[in-house]
Amino acid sequence: MEEEEKYWHKIQDYIRSHFGMKGEVYDIAYLIGVRELGYGFEPLDQDTKTKVYNFVAIYLMNFMDEEQRREIRKKYGDQPDMEEQIYRKAIIHYFRSKQIL
């Protein structure tokens, strides 16, 4: 298993053990948005949840350069999971840059 794949599984294990979530890409992205916007563990209404998702979509892309995005697009093309792969790579870069794990 490649190093990045191992790190991804480490992130998923962290999310499962600390938050009791499955550790899927969009779960992790949501938690990052909540963390960065400072919402903590308070219940969020639908408008706020939408705000979190919109924010995190843009925010995570800042953790990847254009070359990395091109590489993923080239590798996955129009496959249905291309967006998920982009988020996954961005999440890995986020965790590394924030030194969470």
C-alpha atoms as a PDB file:
ATOM      1  CA  MET A   1       0.000   0.000   0.000  1.00  0.00           C
ATOM      2  CA  GLU A   2       1.390   3.365  -0.978  1.00  0.00           C
ATOM      3  CA  GLU A   3       2.287   5.917   1.710  1.00  0.00           C
ATOM      4  CA  GLU A   4      -0.574   8.287   0.842  1.00  0.00           C
ATOM      5  CA  GLU A   5      -3.094   5.446   1.014  1.00  0.00           C
ATOM      6  CA  LYS A   6      -1.803   4.458   4.452  1.00  0.00           C
ATOM      7  CA  TYR A   7      -2.112   8.046   5.630  1.00  0.00           C
ATOM      8  CA  TRP A   8      -5.695   8.190   4.306  1.00  0.00           C
ATOM      9  CA  HIS A   9      -6.591   5.103   6.357  1.00  0.00           C
ATOM     10  CA  LYS A  10      -4.944   6.699   9.374  1.00  0.00           C
ATOM     11  CA  ILE A  11      -7.184   9.773   8.923  1.00  0.00           C
ATOM     12  CA  GLN A  12     -10.260   7.561   8.608  1.00  0.00           C
ATOM     13  CA  ASP A  13      -9.334   5.662  11.777  1.00  0.00           C
ATOM     14  CA  TYR A  14      -8.844   8.966  13.599  1.00  0.00           C
ATOM     15  CA  ILE A  15     -12.298  10.213  12.532  1.00  0.00           C
ATOM     16  CA  ARG A  16     -13.937   6.927  13.526  1.00  0.00           C
ATOM     17  CA  SER A  17     -12.321   6.819  16.954  1.00  0.00           C
ATOM     18  CA  HIS A  18     -12.738  10.514  17.829  1.00  0.00           C
ATOM     19  CA  PHE A  19     -16.115  11.304  16.249  1.00  0.00           C
ATOM     20  CA  GLY A  20     -17.860   7.964  15.748  1.00  0.00           C
ATOM     21  CA  MET A  21     -18.359   8.649  12.043  1.00  0.00           C
ATOM     22  CA  LYS A  22     -17.627   6.323   9.122  1.00  0.00           C
ATOM     23  CA  GLY A  23     -14.709   8.431   7.978  1.00  0.00           C
ATOM     24  CA  GLU A  24     -15.953   8.941   4.446  1.00  0.00           C
ATOM     25  CA  VAL A  25     -14.635  11.839   2.371  1.00  0.00           C
ATOM     26  CA  TYR A  26     -17.649  14.106   2.789  1.00  0.00           C
ATOM     27  CA  ASP A  27     -17.890  13.398   6.543  1.00  0.00           C
ATOM     28  CA  ILE A  28     -14.289  14.453   6.986  1.00  0.00           C
ATOM     29  CA  ALA A  29     -14.716  17.507   4.759  1.00  0.00           C
ATOM     30  CA  TYR A  30     -17.732  18.571   6.822  1.00  0.00           C
ATOM     31  CA  LEU A  31     -15.795  18.205  10.080  1.00  0.00           C
ATOM     32  CA  ILE A  32     -12.988  20.326   8.640  1.00  0.00           C
ATOM     33  CA  GLY A  33     -15.488  23.039   7.723  1.00  0.00           C
ATOM     34  CA  VAL A  34     -17.036  22.964  11.190  1.00  0.00           C
ATOM     35  CA  ARG A  35     -13.579  23.161  12.757  1.00  0.00           C
ATOM     36  CA  GLU A  36     -12.329  25.999  10.574  1.00  0.00           C
ATOM     37  CA  LEU A  37     -15.511  28.033  11.004  1.00  0.00           C
ATOM     38  CA  GLY A  38     -15.423  27.458  14.772  1.00  0.00           C
ATOM     39  CA  TYR A  39     -18.848  25.867  15.231  1.00  0.00           C
ATOM     40  CA  GLY A  40     -17.740  23.128  17.598  1.00  0.00           C
ATOM     41  CA  PHE A  41     -20.392  20.640  18.660  1.00  0.00           C
ATOM     42  CA  GLU A  42     -23.442  22.885  18.477  1.00  0.00           C
ATOM     43  CA  PRO A  43     -26.445  21.774  16.391  1.00  0.00           C
ATOM     44  CA  LEU A  44     -26.516  23.487  12.999  1.00  0.00           C
ATOM     45  CA  ASP A  45     -29.548  24.465  10.955  1.00  0.00           C
ATOM     46  CA  GLN A  46     -29.735  23.628   7.243  1.00  0.00           C
ATOM     47  CA  ASP A  47     -28.557  27.082   6.109  1.00  0.00           C
ATOM     48  CA  THR A  48     -25.476  26.828   8.322  1.00  0.00           C
ATOM     49  CA  LYS A  49     -24.726  23.301   7.098  1.00  0.00           C
ATOM     50  CA  THR A  50     -24.896  24.592   3.526  1.00  0.00           C
ATOM     51  CA  LYS A  51     -22.536  27.411   4.490  1.00  0.00           C
ATOM     52  CA  VAL A  52     -20.101  24.867   5.962  1.00  0.00           C
ATOM     53  CA  TYR A  53     -20.131  22.721   2.799  1.00  0.00           C
ATOM     54  CA  ASN A  54     -19.712  25.730   0.505  1.00  0.00           C
ATOM     55  CA  PHE A  55     -16.846  27.031   2.623  1.00  0.00           C
ATOM     56  CA  VAL A  56     -15.000  23.715   2.858  1.00  0.00           C
ATOM     57  CA  ALA A  57     -15.249  23.076  -0.891  1.00  0.00           C
ATOM     58  CA  ILE A  58     -13.247  26.233  -1.537  1.00  0.00           C
ATOM     59  CA  TYR A  59     -11.069  26.005   1.562  1.00  0.00           C
ATOM     60  CA  LEU A  60      -9.781  22.501   0.856  1.00  0.00           C
ATOM     61  CA  MET A  61      -8.786  23.396  -2.679  1.00  0.00           C
ATOM     62  CA  ASN A  62      -6.244  25.789  -1.156  1.00  0.00           C
ATOM     63  CA  PHE A  63      -4.370  22.727   0.102  1.00  0.00           C
ATOM     64  CA  MET A  64      -3.696  21.517  -3.439  1.00  0.00           C
ATOM     65  CA  ASP A  65      -1.887  23.263  -6.219  1.00  0.00           C
ATOM     66  CA  GLU A  66      -3.133  23.292  -9.798  1.00  0.00           C
ATOM     67  CA  GLU A  67      -0.683  20.574 -10.830  1.00  0.00           C
ATOM     68  CA  GLN A  68      -2.099  18.180  -8.235  1.00  0.00           C
ATOM     69  CA  ARG A  69      -5.660  18.894  -9.403  1.00  0.00           C
ATOM     70  CA  ARG A  70      -4.654  18.321 -13.029  1.00  0.00           C
ATOM     71  CA  GLU A  71      -2.999  15.041 -12.078  1.00  0.00           C
ATOM     72  CA  ILE A  72      -6.220  13.793 -10.454  1.00  0.00           C
ATOM     73  CA  ARG A  73      -8.375  14.930 -13.374  1.00  0.00           C
ATOM     74  CA  LYS A  74      -6.023  13.163 -15.767  1.00  0.00           C
ATOM     75  CA  LYS A  75      -6.037   9.969 -13.707  1.00  0.00           C
ATOM     76  CA  TYR A  76      -9.797   9.805 -13.051  1.00  0.00           C
ATOM     77  CA  GLY A  77     -11.184  11.752 -16.034  1.00  0.00           C
ATOM     78  CA  ASP A  78     -14.954  11.814 -15.993  1.00  0.00           C
ATOM     79  CA  GLN A  79     -15.320   8.943 -13.552  1.00  0.00           C
ATOM     80  CA  PRO A  80     -18.039   9.519 -10.955  1.00  0.00           C
ATOM     81  CA  ASP A  81     -15.551   9.512  -8.076  1.00  0.00           C
ATOM     82  CA  MET A  82     -13.190  12.161  -9.489  1.00  0.00           C
ATOM     83  CA  GLU A  83     -14.535  14.856  -7.157  1.00  0.00           C
ATOM     84  CA  GLU A  84     -14.187  12.503  -4.205  1.00  0.00           C
ATOM     85  CA  GLN A  85     -10.562  11.795  -5.147  1.00  0.00           C
ATOM     86  CA  ILE A  86      -9.813  15.525  -5.306  1.00  0.00           C
ATOM     87  CA  TYR A  87     -11.334  16.033  -1.848  1.00  0.00           C
ATOM     88  CA  ARG A  88      -9.472  13.033  -0.510  1.00  0.00           C
ATOM     89  CA  LYS A  89      -6.103  14.355  -1.674  1.00  0.00           C
ATOM     90  CA  ALA A  90      -6.937  17.826  -0.330  1.00  0.00           C
ATOM     91  CA  ILE A  91      -7.929  16.341   3.048  1.00  0.00           C
ATOM     92  CA  ILE A  92      -4.622  14.511   3.236  1.00  0.00           C
ATOM     93  CA  HIS A  93      -2.765  17.760   2.533  1.00  0.00           C
ATOM     94  CA  TYR A  94      -4.909  19.544   5.125  1.00  0.00           C
ATOM     95  CA  PHE A  95      -4.138  17.003   7.857  1.00  0.00           C
ATOM     96  CA  ARG A  96      -0.435  17.130   7.057  1.00  0.00           C
ATOM     97  CA  SER A  97      -0.213  20.920   6.918  1.00  0.00           C
ATOM     98  CA  LYS A  98      -2.155  21.320  10.173  1.00  0.00           C
ATOM     99  CA  GLN A  99      -0.088  18.502  11.711  1.00  0.00           C
ATOM    100  CA  ILE A 100      -3.226  16.838  13.046  1.00  0.00           C
ATOM    101  CA  LEU A 101      -1.747  13.339  12.694  1.00  0.00           C
END
